[in-house]
C-alpha atoms as a PDB file:
ATOM      1  CA  UNK A   1     -36.623 -94.521 106.171  1.00  0.00           C
ATOM      2  CA  UNK A   2     -32.974 -93.528 106.190  1.00  0.00           C
ATOM      3  CA  UNK A   3     -31.814 -97.040 105.245  1.00  0.00           C
ATOM      4  CA  UNK A   4     -34.247 -97.252 102.325  1.00  0.00           C
ATOM      5  CA  UNK A   5     -33.114 -93.823 101.113  1.00  0.00           C
ATOM      6  CA  UNK A   6     -29.477 -94.875 101.302  1.00  0.00           C
ATOM      7  CA  UNK A   7     -30.268 -98.083  99.391  1.00  0.00           C
ATOM      8  CA  UNK A   8     -32.136 -96.085  96.726  1.00  0.00           C
ATOM      9  CA  UNK A   9     -29.242 -93.646  96.339  1.00  0.00           C
ATOM     10  CA  UNK A  10     -26.717 -96.479  96.042  1.00  0.00           C
ATOM     11  CA  UNK A  11     -28.919 -98.260  93.501  1.00  0.00           C
ATOM     12  CA  UNK A  12     -29.314 -95.057  91.480  1.00  0.00           C
ATOM     13  CA  UNK A  13     -25.553 -94.555  91.528  1.00  0.00           C
ATOM     14  CA  UNK A  14     -25.005 -98.098  90.291  1.00  0.00           C
ATOM     15  CA  UNK A  15     -27.549 -97.741  87.457  1.00  0.00           C
ATOM     16  CA  UNK A  16     -26.015 -94.450  86.287  1.00  0.00           C
ATOM     17  CA  UNK A  17     -22.612 -96.096  86.071  1.00  0.00           C
ATOM     18  CA  UNK A  18     -23.923 -99.139  84.185  1.00  0.00           C
ATOM     19  CA  UNK A  19     -26.255 -97.586  81.619  1.00  0.00           C
ATOM     20  CA  UNK A  20     -24.678 -94.193  80.993  1.00  0.00           C
ATOM     21  CA  UNK A  21     -21.217 -95.695  81.356  1.00  0.00           C
ATOM     22  CA  UNK A  22     -21.802 -98.344  78.689  1.00  0.00           C
ATOM     23  CA  UNK A  23     -23.390 -95.729  76.425  1.00  0.00           C
ATOM     24  CA  UNK A  24     -20.220 -93.653  76.734  1.00  0.00           C
ATOM     25  CA  UNK A  25     -17.950 -96.667  76.279  1.00  0.00           C
ATOM     26  CA  UNK A  26     -19.659 -97.873  73.100  1.00  0.00           C
ATOM     27  CA  UNK A  27     -19.819 -94.331  71.704  1.00  0.00           C
ATOM     28  CA  UNK A  28     -16.088 -93.898  72.272  1.00  0.00           C
ATOM     29  CA  UNK A  29     -15.157 -97.270  70.792  1.00  0.00           C
ATOM     30  CA  UNK A  30     -17.012 -96.249  67.609  1.00  0.00           C
ATOM     31  CA  UNK A  31     -16.215 -92.526  67.484  1.00  0.00           C
ATOM     32  CA  UNK A  32     -12.497 -92.387  68.237  1.00  0.00           C
ATOM     33  CA  UNK A  33     -11.448 -94.839  65.484  1.00  0.00           C
ATOM     34  CA  UNK A  34     -13.595 -92.896  63.005  1.00  0.00           C
ATOM     35  CA  UNK A  35     -11.775 -89.697  63.991  1.00  0.00           C
ATOM     36  CA  UNK A  36      -8.446 -91.427  63.384  1.00  0.00           C
ATOM     37  CA  UNK A  37      -9.738 -92.781  60.077  1.00  0.00           C
ATOM     38  CA  UNK A  38     -10.519 -89.292  58.769  1.00  0.00           C
ATOM     39  CA  UNK A  39      -7.397 -87.580  60.106  1.00  0.00           C
ATOM     40  CA  UNK A  40      -4.995 -90.288  58.927  1.00  0.00           C
ATOM     41  CA  UNK A  41      -6.606 -90.701  55.495  1.00  0.00           C
ATOM     42  CA  UNK A  42      -6.306 -87.067  54.390  1.00  0.00           C
ATOM     43  CA  UNK A  43      -2.957 -85.427  53.724  1.00  0.00           C
ATOM     44  CA  UNK A  44      -4.138 -82.004  54.878  1.00  0.00           C
ATOM     45  CA  UNK A  45      -4.657 -83.390  58.370  1.00  0.00           C
ATOM     46  CA  UNK A  46      -1.508 -85.529  58.391  1.00  0.00           C
ATOM     47  CA  UNK A  47       0.585 -82.416  57.729  1.00  0.00           C
ATOM     48  CA  UNK A  48      -1.202 -80.245  60.321  1.00  0.00           C
ATOM     49  CA  UNK A  49       0.358 -79.904  63.775  1.00  0.00           C
ATOM     50  CA  UNK A  50      -3.052 -79.217  65.366  1.00  0.00           C
ATOM     51  CA  UNK A  51      -4.528 -82.342  63.778  1.00  0.00           C
ATOM     52  CA  UNK A  52      -1.452 -84.252  64.989  1.00  0.00           C
ATOM     53  CA  UNK A  53      -2.346 -83.391  68.582  1.00  0.00           C
ATOM     54  CA  UNK A  54      -5.970 -84.401  67.963  1.00  0.00           C
ATOM     55  CA  UNK A  55      -4.803 -87.722  66.490  1.00  0.00           C
ATOM     56  CA  UNK A  56      -2.709 -88.349  69.592  1.00  0.00           C
ATOM     57  CA  UNK A  57      -5.648 -87.397  71.822  1.00  0.00           C
ATOM     58  CA  UNK A  58      -8.013 -89.829  70.072  1.00  0.00           C
ATOM     59  CA  UNK A  59      -5.432 -92.617  70.380  1.00  0.00           C
ATOM     60  CA  UNK A  60      -4.982 -91.969  74.102  1.00  0.00           C
ATOM     61  CA  UNK A  61      -8.754 -91.755  74.552  1.00  0.00           C
ATOM     62  CA  UNK A  62      -9.165 -95.265  73.133  1.00  0.00           C
ATOM     63  CA  UNK A  63      -6.623 -96.569  75.626  1.00  0.00           C
ATOM     64  CA  UNK A  64      -8.421 -94.807  78.485  1.00  0.00           C
ATOM     65  CA  UNK A  65     -11.783 -96.264  77.503  1.00  0.00           C
ATOM     66  CA  UNK A  66     -10.584 -99.808  78.114  1.00  0.00           C
ATOM     67  CA  UNK A  67      -8.313 -99.210  81.094  1.00  0.00           C
ATOM     68  CA  UNK A  68     -10.262 -96.437  82.802  1.00  0.00           C
ATOM     69  CA  UNK A  69     -13.910 -96.286  81.738  1.00  0.00           C
ATOM     70  CA  UNK A  70     -14.567-100.011  81.283  1.00  0.00           C
ATOM     71  CA  UNK A  71     -12.940-101.030  84.567  1.00  0.00           C
ATOM     72  CA  UNK A  72     -14.781 -98.198  86.343  1.00  0.00           C
ATOM     73  CA  UNK A  73     -18.076 -99.634  85.050  1.00  0.00           C
ATOM     74  CA  UNK A  74     -17.167-103.126  86.188  1.00  0.00           C
ATOM     75  CA  UNK A  75     -16.030-101.994  89.637  1.00  0.00           C
ATOM     76  CA  UNK A  76     -18.721 -99.439  90.470  1.00  0.00           C
ATOM     77  CA  UNK A  77     -21.570-100.781  88.332  1.00  0.00           C
ATOM     78  CA  UNK A  78     -21.320-104.561  88.569  1.00  0.00           C
ATOM     79  CA  UNK A  79     -19.181-104.651  91.752  1.00  0.00           C
ATOM     80  CA  UNK A  80     -16.566-106.808  90.012  1.00  0.00           C
ATOM     81  CA  UNK A  81     -13.349-105.452  91.440  1.00  0.00           C
ATOM     82  CA  UNK A  82     -10.470-106.631  89.280  1.00  0.00           C
ATOM     83  CA  UNK A  83      -8.107-104.524  91.384  1.00  0.00           C
ATOM     84  CA  UNK A  84      -8.258-107.135  94.155  1.00  0.00           C
ATOM     85  CA  UNK A  85      -6.750-109.734  91.848  1.00  0.00           C
ATOM     86  CA  UNK A  86      -3.285-108.173  91.815  1.00  0.00           C
ATOM     87  CA  UNK A  87      -1.613-105.378  93.742  1.00  0.00           C
ATOM     88  CA  UNK A  88       0.551-104.688  90.695  1.00  0.00           C
ATOM     89  CA  UNK A  89      -2.495-104.256  88.442  1.00  0.00           C
ATOM     90  CA  UNK A  90      -4.081-102.007  91.061  1.00  0.00           C
ATOM     91  CA  UNK A  91      -1.047 -99.714  91.048  1.00  0.00           C
ATOM     92  CA  UNK A  92      -0.531 -99.952  87.295  1.00  0.00           C
ATOM     93  CA  UNK A  93      -4.136 -98.995  86.564  1.00  0.00           C
ATOM     94  CA  UNK A  94      -3.834 -95.919  88.782  1.00  0.00           C
ATOM     95  CA  UNK A  95      -0.659 -94.959  86.916  1.00  0.00           C
ATOM     96  CA  UNK A  96      -2.058 -95.655  83.447  1.00  0.00           C
ATOM     97  CA  UNK A  97      -5.422 -93.977  83.980  1.00  0.00           C
ATOM     98  CA  UNK A  98      -3.794 -90.797  85.265  1.00  0.00           C
ATOM     99  CA  UNK A  99      -1.288 -90.918  82.393  1.00  0.00           C
ATOM    100  CA  UNK A 100      -4.115 -91.161  79.826  1.00  0.00           C
ATOM    101  CA  UNK A 101      -6.157 -88.392  81.473  1.00  0.00           C
ATOM    102  CA  UNK A 102      -3.242 -85.974  81.722  1.00  0.00           C
ATOM    103  CA  UNK A 103      -1.943 -86.747  78.227  1.00  0.00           C
ATOM    104  CA  UNK A 104      -5.396 -86.402  76.666  1.00  0.00           C
ATOM    105  CA  UNK A 105      -6.037 -83.012  78.243  1.00  0.00           C
ATOM    106  CA  UNK A 106      -2.476 -81.932  77.426  1.00  0.00           C
ATOM    107  CA  UNK A 107      -3.132 -82.735  73.754  1.00  0.00           C
ATOM    108  CA  UNK A 108      -6.285 -80.627  73.942  1.00  0.00           C
ATOM    109  CA  UNK A 109      -4.303 -77.744  75.429  1.00  0.00           C
ATOM    110  CA  UNK A 110      -1.545 -78.110  72.824  1.00  0.00           C
ATOM    111  CA  UNK A 111      -4.098 -78.203  69.990  1.00  0.00           C
ATOM    112  CA  UNK A 112      -5.722 -74.907  70.992  1.00  0.00           C
ATOM    113  CA  UNK A 113      -2.325 -73.271  71.650  1.00  0.00           C
ATOM    114  CA  UNK A 114      -1.221 -74.451  68.212  1.00  0.00           C
ATOM    115  CA  UNK A 115      -4.314 -72.925  66.606  1.00  0.00           C
ATOM    116  CA  UNK A 116      -3.699 -69.675  68.451  1.00  0.00           C
ATOM    117  CA  UNK A 117      -0.210 -69.508  66.932  1.00  0.00           C
ATOM    118  CA  UNK A 118      -1.527 -70.520  63.497  1.00  0.00           C
ATOM    119  CA  UNK A 119      -4.179 -67.787  63.442  1.00  0.00           C
ATOM    120  CA  UNK A 120      -2.168 -65.124  65.263  1.00  0.00           C
ATOM    121  CA  UNK A 121      -1.692 -61.865  63.336  1.00  0.00           C
ATOM    122  CA  UNK A 122       1.979 -61.709  64.365  1.00  0.00           C
ATOM    123  CA  UNK A 123       3.951 -63.766  61.769  1.00  0.00           C
ATOM    124  CA  UNK A 124       6.748 -64.671  64.195  1.00  0.00           C
ATOM    125  CA  UNK A 125       4.403 -67.018  66.046  1.00  0.00           C
ATOM    126  CA  UNK A 126       3.789 -69.021  62.873  1.00  0.00           C
ATOM    127  CA  UNK A 127       7.279 -70.558  62.988  1.00  0.00           C
ATOM    128  CA  UNK A 128       6.210 -72.562  66.040  1.00  0.00           C
ATOM    129  CA  UNK A 129       3.311 -74.020  64.077  1.00  0.00           C
ATOM    130  CA  UNK A 130       4.875 -77.060  62.397  1.00  0.00           C
ATOM    131  CA  UNK A 131       4.507 -80.822  62.551  1.00  0.00           C
ATOM    132  CA  UNK A 132       8.157 -81.549  63.369  1.00  0.00           C
ATOM    133  CA  UNK A 133       8.093 -79.379  66.484  1.00  0.00           C
ATOM    134  CA  UNK A 134       4.735 -80.892  67.468  1.00  0.00           C
ATOM    135  CA  UNK A 135       6.296 -84.373  67.530  1.00  0.00           C
ATOM    136  CA  UNK A 136       9.044 -83.216  69.896  1.00  0.00           C
ATOM    137  CA  UNK A 137       6.557 -81.418  72.147  1.00  0.00           C
ATOM    138  CA  UNK A 138       4.273 -84.439  72.335  1.00  0.00           C
ATOM    139  CA  UNK A 139       7.200 -86.763  73.087  1.00  0.00           C
ATOM    140  CA  UNK A 140       8.306 -84.441  75.901  1.00  0.00           C
ATOM    141  CA  UNK A 141       4.772 -84.277  77.259  1.00  0.00           C
ATOM    142  CA  UNK A 142       4.423 -88.054  77.310  1.00  0.00           C
ATOM    143  CA  UNK A 143       7.789 -88.424  79.058  1.00  0.00           C
ATOM    144  CA  UNK A 144       6.796 -85.791  81.612  1.00  0.00           C
ATOM    145  CA  UNK A 145       3.549 -87.559  82.525  1.00  0.00           C
ATOM    146  CA  UNK A 146       5.263 -90.956  82.691  1.00  0.00           C
ATOM    147  CA  UNK A 147       7.713 -89.557  85.238  1.00  0.00           C
ATOM    148  CA  UNK A 148       4.831 -87.849  87.050  1.00  0.00           C
ATOM    149  CA  UNK A 149       2.997 -91.181  87.323  1.00  0.00           C
ATOM    150  CA  UNK A 150       5.838 -93.174  88.850  1.00  0.00           C
ATOM    151  CA  UNK A 151       4.582 -92.475  92.426  1.00  0.00           C
ATOM    152  CA  UNK A 152       1.367 -94.328  91.510  1.00  0.00           C
ATOM    153  CA  UNK A 153       3.446 -97.484  91.129  1.00  0.00           C
ATOM    154  CA  UNK A 154       5.831 -96.879  94.037  1.00  0.00           C
ATOM    155  CA  UNK A 155       3.353 -95.581  96.613  1.00  0.00           C
ATOM    156  CA  UNK A 156      -0.098 -97.084  97.061  1.00  0.00           C
ATOM    157  CA  UNK A 157      -2.824 -94.529  97.776  1.00  0.00           C
ATOM    158  CA  UNK A 158      -1.034 -91.602  96.103  1.00  0.00           C
ATOM    159  CA  UNK A 159      -3.562 -88.884  95.152  1.00  0.00           C
ATOM    160  CA  UNK A 160      -3.532 -86.066  92.627  1.00  0.00           C
ATOM    161  CA  UNK A 161      -4.045 -82.460  93.626  1.00  0.00           C
ATOM    162  CA  UNK A 162      -7.250 -80.818  92.418  1.00  0.00           C
ATOM    163  CA  UNK A 163      -5.061 -78.219  90.658  1.00  0.00           C
ATOM    164  CA  UNK A 164      -4.448 -80.922  88.014  1.00  0.00           C
ATOM    165  CA  UNK A 165      -7.989 -80.463  86.756  1.00  0.00           C
ATOM    166  CA  UNK A 166      -8.085 -76.678  87.071  1.00  0.00           C
ATOM    167  CA  UNK A 167      -4.913 -76.007  85.083  1.00  0.00           C
ATOM    168  CA  UNK A 168      -5.927 -77.530  81.710  1.00  0.00           C
ATOM    169  CA  UNK A 169      -9.370 -75.909  81.950  1.00  0.00           C
ATOM    170  CA  UNK A 170      -7.728 -72.516  82.483  1.00  0.00           C
ATOM    171  CA  UNK A 171      -5.352 -73.009  79.548  1.00  0.00           C
ATOM    172  CA  UNK A 172      -7.955 -74.128  77.031  1.00  0.00           C
ATOM    173  CA  UNK A 173     -10.380 -71.347  78.009  1.00  0.00           C
ATOM    174  CA  UNK A 174      -7.682 -68.666  77.765  1.00  0.00           C
ATOM    175  CA  UNK A 175      -6.269 -69.764  74.415  1.00  0.00           C
ATOM    176  CA  UNK A 176      -9.745 -70.590  73.151  1.00  0.00           C
ATOM    177  CA  UNK A 177     -10.768 -66.958  73.636  1.00  0.00           C
ATOM    178  CA  UNK A 178      -7.568 -65.753  71.944  1.00  0.00           C
ATOM    179  CA  UNK A 179      -8.046 -68.133  69.006  1.00  0.00           C
ATOM    180  CA  UNK A 180     -11.663 -67.059  68.585  1.00  0.00           C
ATOM    181  CA  UNK A 181     -10.547 -63.431  68.446  1.00  0.00           C
ATOM    182  CA  UNK A 182      -7.889 -64.229  65.827  1.00  0.00           C
ATOM    183  CA  UNK A 183     -10.156 -66.349  63.637  1.00  0.00           C
ATOM    184  CA  UNK A 184     -12.555 -63.405  63.306  1.00  0.00           C
ATOM    185  CA  UNK A 185      -9.801 -61.446  61.555  1.00  0.00           C
ATOM    186  CA  UNK A 186      -8.289 -64.205  59.406  1.00  0.00           C
ATOM    187  CA  UNK A 187     -10.361 -63.280  56.337  1.00  0.00           C
ATOM    188  CA  UNK A 188      -8.491 -59.963  56.104  1.00  0.00           C
ATOM    189  CA  UNK A 189      -5.020 -61.533  55.957  1.00  0.00           C
ATOM    190  CA  UNK A 190      -2.992 -62.661  52.966  1.00  0.00           C
ATOM    191  CA  UNK A 191      -3.098 -66.414  53.518  1.00  0.00           C
ATOM    192  CA  UNK A 192      -3.484 -69.197  50.924  1.00  0.00           C
ATOM    193  CA  UNK A 193      -7.120 -70.238  50.645  1.00  0.00           C
ATOM    194  CA  UNK A 194      -6.497 -73.906  51.527  1.00  0.00           C
ATOM    195  CA  UNK A 195      -4.547 -72.952  54.655  1.00  0.00           C
ATOM    196  CA  UNK A 196      -7.178 -70.388  55.659  1.00  0.00           C
ATOM    197  CA  UNK A 197     -10.047 -72.878  55.354  1.00  0.00           C
ATOM    198  CA  UNK A 198      -8.112 -75.548  57.259  1.00  0.00           C
ATOM    199  CA  UNK A 199      -7.308 -73.124  60.088  1.00  0.00           C
ATOM    200  CA  UNK A 200     -10.931 -72.007  60.282  1.00  0.00           C
ATOM    201  CA  UNK A 201     -12.157 -75.609  60.322  1.00  0.00           C
ATOM    202  CA  UNK A 202      -9.734 -76.799  63.001  1.00  0.00           C
ATOM    203  CA  UNK A 203     -10.288 -73.729  65.153  1.00  0.00           C
ATOM    204  CA  UNK A 204     -14.077 -74.149  65.093  1.00  0.00           C
ATOM    205  CA  UNK A 205     -13.797 -77.864  65.854  1.00  0.00           C
ATOM    206  CA  UNK A 206     -11.421 -77.303  68.768  1.00  0.00           C
ATOM    207  CA  UNK A 207     -13.397 -74.365  70.161  1.00  0.00           C
ATOM    208  CA  UNK A 208     -16.653 -76.325  70.206  1.00  0.00           C
ATOM    209  CA  UNK A 209     -14.898 -79.212  71.947  1.00  0.00           C
ATOM    210  CA  UNK A 210     -13.496 -76.779  74.520  1.00  0.00           C
ATOM    211  CA  UNK A 211     -17.006 -75.552  75.340  1.00  0.00           C
ATOM    212  CA  UNK A 212     -18.214 -79.143  75.650  1.00  0.00           C
ATOM    213  CA  UNK A 213     -15.224 -80.148  77.808  1.00  0.00           C
ATOM    214  CA  UNK A 214     -15.701 -77.240  80.192  1.00  0.00           C
ATOM    215  CA  UNK A 215     -19.329 -78.288  80.719  1.00  0.00           C
ATOM    216  CA  UNK A 216     -18.444 -81.983  81.105  1.00  0.00           C
ATOM    217  CA  UNK A 217     -15.331 -81.677  83.277  1.00  0.00           C
ATOM    218  CA  UNK A 218     -16.089 -78.697  85.528  1.00  0.00           C
ATOM    219  CA  UNK A 219     -18.480 -80.566  87.897  1.00  0.00           C
ATOM    220  CA  UNK A 220     -15.821 -83.177  88.716  1.00  0.00           C
ATOM    221  CA  UNK A 221     -13.178 -80.486  89.215  1.00  0.00           C
ATOM    222  CA  UNK A 222     -15.484 -78.571  91.569  1.00  0.00           C
ATOM    223  CA  UNK A 223     -16.294 -81.742  93.496  1.00  0.00           C
ATOM    224  CA  UNK A 224     -12.576 -82.612  93.789  1.00  0.00           C
ATOM    225  CA  UNK A 225     -11.824 -79.152  95.177  1.00  0.00           C
ATOM    226  CA  UNK A 226     -14.741 -79.457  97.602  1.00  0.00           C
ATOM    227  CA  UNK A 227     -13.509 -82.817  98.902  1.00  0.00           C
ATOM    228  CA  UNK A 228      -9.965 -81.477  99.217  1.00  0.00           C
ATOM    229  CA  UNK A 229     -11.130 -78.494 101.284  1.00  0.00           C
ATOM    230  CA  UNK A 230     -13.860 -80.086 103.399  1.00  0.00           C
ATOM    231  CA  UNK A 231     -13.750 -83.391 105.230  1.00  0.00           C
ATOM    232  CA  UNK A 232     -16.320 -85.981 104.214  1.00  0.00           C
ATOM    233  CA  UNK A 233     -18.877 -86.393 107.035  1.00  0.00           C
ATOM    234  CA  UNK A 234     -19.458 -89.771 108.643  1.00  0.00           C
ATOM    235  CA  UNK A 235     -23.221 -89.611 108.075  1.00  0.00           C
ATOM    236  CA  UNK A 236     -24.153 -92.632 105.848  1.00  0.00           C
ATOM    237  CA  UNK A 237     -26.947 -90.674 104.139  1.00  0.00           C
ATOM    238  CA  UNK A 238     -24.612 -87.810 103.168  1.00  0.00           C
ATOM    239  CA  UNK A 239     -21.995 -90.327 102.057  1.00  0.00           C
ATOM    240  CA  UNK A 240     -24.571 -92.012  99.810  1.00  0.00           C
ATOM    241  CA  UNK A 241     -25.560 -88.638  98.338  1.00  0.00           C
ATOM    242  CA  UNK A 242     -21.927 -87.754  97.703  1.00  0.00           C
ATOM    243  CA  UNK A 243     -21.388 -91.178  96.160  1.00  0.00           C
ATOM    244  CA  UNK A 244     -24.239 -90.585  93.711  1.00  0.00           C
ATOM    245  CA  UNK A 245     -22.892 -87.124  92.916  1.00  0.00           C
ATOM    246  CA  UNK A 246     -19.422 -88.597  92.413  1.00  0.00           C
ATOM    247  CA  UNK A 247     -20.758 -91.222  90.007  1.00  0.00           C
ATOM    248  CA  UNK A 248     -22.581 -88.586  87.944  1.00  0.00           C
ATOM    249  CA  UNK A 249     -19.616 -86.201  87.769  1.00  0.00           C
ATOM    250  CA  UNK A 250     -17.171 -89.006  86.953  1.00  0.00           C
ATOM    251  CA  UNK A 251     -19.402 -90.276  84.160  1.00  0.00           C
ATOM    252  CA  UNK A 252     -19.776 -86.704  82.844  1.00  0.00           C
ATOM    253  CA  UNK A 253     -15.997 -86.346  82.870  1.00  0.00           C
ATOM    254  CA  UNK A 254     -15.714 -89.432  80.655  1.00  0.00           C
ATOM    255  CA  UNK A 255     -17.628 -87.652  77.885  1.00  0.00           C
ATOM    256  CA  UNK A 256     -14.354 -85.875  77.099  1.00  0.00           C
ATOM    257  CA  UNK A 257     -12.860 -89.191  75.954  1.00  0.00           C
ATOM    258  CA  UNK A 258     -15.682 -90.094  73.554  1.00  0.00           C
ATOM    259  CA  UNK A 259     -17.099 -86.848  72.207  1.00  0.00           C
ATOM    260  CA  UNK A 260     -14.544 -85.583  69.681  1.00  0.00           C
ATOM    261  CA  UNK A 261     -15.879 -87.335  66.562  1.00  0.00           C
ATOM    262  CA  UNK A 262     -19.496 -86.389  67.247  1.00  0.00           C
ATOM    263  CA  UNK A 263     -18.527 -82.798  68.020  1.00  0.00           C
ATOM    264  CA  UNK A 264     -16.544 -82.500  64.788  1.00  0.00           C
ATOM    265  CA  UNK A 265     -19.444 -83.960  62.784  1.00  0.00           C
ATOM    266  CA  UNK A 266     -21.912 -81.497  64.305  1.00  0.00           C
ATOM    267  CA  UNK A 267     -19.657 -78.428  64.313  1.00  0.00           C
ATOM    268  CA  UNK A 268     -18.009 -78.652  60.883  1.00  0.00           C
ATOM    269  CA  UNK A 269     -19.779 -79.111  57.550  1.00  0.00           C
ATOM    270  CA  UNK A 270     -16.408 -79.612  55.917  1.00  0.00           C
ATOM    271  CA  UNK A 271     -15.556 -82.447  58.328  1.00  0.00           C
ATOM    272  CA  UNK A 272     -18.867 -84.155  57.470  1.00  0.00           C
ATOM    273  CA  UNK A 273     -17.964 -83.964  53.777  1.00  0.00           C
ATOM    274  CA  UNK A 274     -14.462 -85.259  54.496  1.00  0.00           C
ATOM    275  CA  UNK A 275     -15.860 -88.153  56.520  1.00  0.00           C
ATOM    276  CA  UNK A 276     -18.192 -89.179  53.691  1.00  0.00           C
ATOM    277  CA  UNK A 277     -15.346 -88.823  51.182  1.00  0.00           C
ATOM    278  CA  UNK A 278     -12.978 -90.953  53.274  1.00  0.00           C
ATOM    279  CA  UNK A 279     -15.550 -93.628  54.056  1.00  0.00           C
ATOM    280  CA  UNK A 280     -17.265 -94.039  50.693  1.00  0.00           C
ATOM    281  CA  UNK A 281     -14.765 -92.740  48.148  1.00  0.00           C
ATOM    282  CA  UNK A 282     -11.365 -93.711  49.480  1.00  0.00           C
ATOM    283  CA  UNK A 283     -11.866 -96.839  51.566  1.00  0.00           C
ATOM    284  CA  UNK A 284     -15.014 -98.235  49.943  1.00  0.00           C
ATOM    285  CA  UNK A 285     -13.467 -97.982  46.474  1.00  0.00           C
ATOM    286  CA  UNK A 286     -10.211 -99.457  47.764  1.00  0.00           C
ATOM    287  CA  UNK A 287     -12.098-102.379  49.309  1.00  0.00           C
ATOM    288  CA  UNK A 288     -14.097-102.918  46.132  1.00  0.00           C
ATOM    289  CA  UNK A 289     -10.973-102.903  43.964  1.00  0.00           C
ATOM    290  CA  UNK A 290      -9.381-105.392  46.352  1.00  0.00           C
ATOM    291  CA  UNK A 291     -12.373-107.720  46.060  1.00  0.00           C
ATOM    292  CA  UNK A 292     -12.294-107.475  42.256  1.00  0.00           C
ATOM    293  CA  UNK A 293      -8.610-108.367  42.173  1.00  0.00           C
ATOM    294  CA  UNK A 294      -9.169-111.319  44.516  1.00  0.00           C
ATOM    295  CA  UNK A 295     -12.004-112.650  42.342  1.00  0.00           C
ATOM    296  CA  UNK A 296      -9.978-112.565  39.114  1.00  0.00           C
ATOM    297  CA  UNK A 297      -9.010-115.966  37.735  1.00  0.00           C
ATOM    298  CA  UNK A 298      -5.271-116.368  37.567  1.00  0.00           C
ATOM    299  CA  UNK A 299      -3.962-118.022  34.341  1.00  0.00           C
ATOM    300  CA  UNK A 300      -2.361-121.405  34.729  1.00  0.00           C
ATOM    301  CA  UNK A 301       1.366-121.593  34.140  1.00  0.00           C
END
């Protein structure tokens, strides 16, 4: 009875990884480029420091999908362990996955902090809300996480403290609450209409993603803390149950890397209009004009 239960739990874990994992992977491969398409096509987003962080996050998320999510599906779903092919790749993947995770969540933290400063009633905070400073901050963040990840390459089996997951959750919740408070009062301030609408749009989009991320990431953070505090028992049945729980929480955590586009579409009417404008007005017309020019007969000389 125990062996059949263990086999059923292991099979369930494998199926969760395969089917839900591929659903997440495909959704991210479609959604993240569409987010970049909208943000990079419109000048209002290209000049926004908050949107700059979201652009960086979507770019990093694409990289994580192929290096982290896809290889996780192959290893834990199909039992094809590419890590056994090369010790260098094994170490490099650990480094790169952690780099993508930490950079992605850092961009989320920076985006909500940026919106807090943009919507803050105290004008002196607004000077920190600019695209040039955002580039320097992001470059410093990337350098910091590269240096942080060097032990993954030098020391095999290096693990990350569970505090790594708690800290970004604490930051985004704190500044999310502060930004929500500020955005309620923005209508009473003397701010240009275009800037006011952009700040409201970005704040709503980021706040909704924060709520989604807290729901998606918290189970894995809790499980990581539990495993750090308590030793895993040697009972095979409990190990199989924990393995299934680990697969579910890890897959849930991956929703952070695929959800941004779909959250923005659902949370912001203005973003839906911008997406339609970018897709069918800007790029469709540009493609059509290109086809017309290519089909024109060139005069003989």
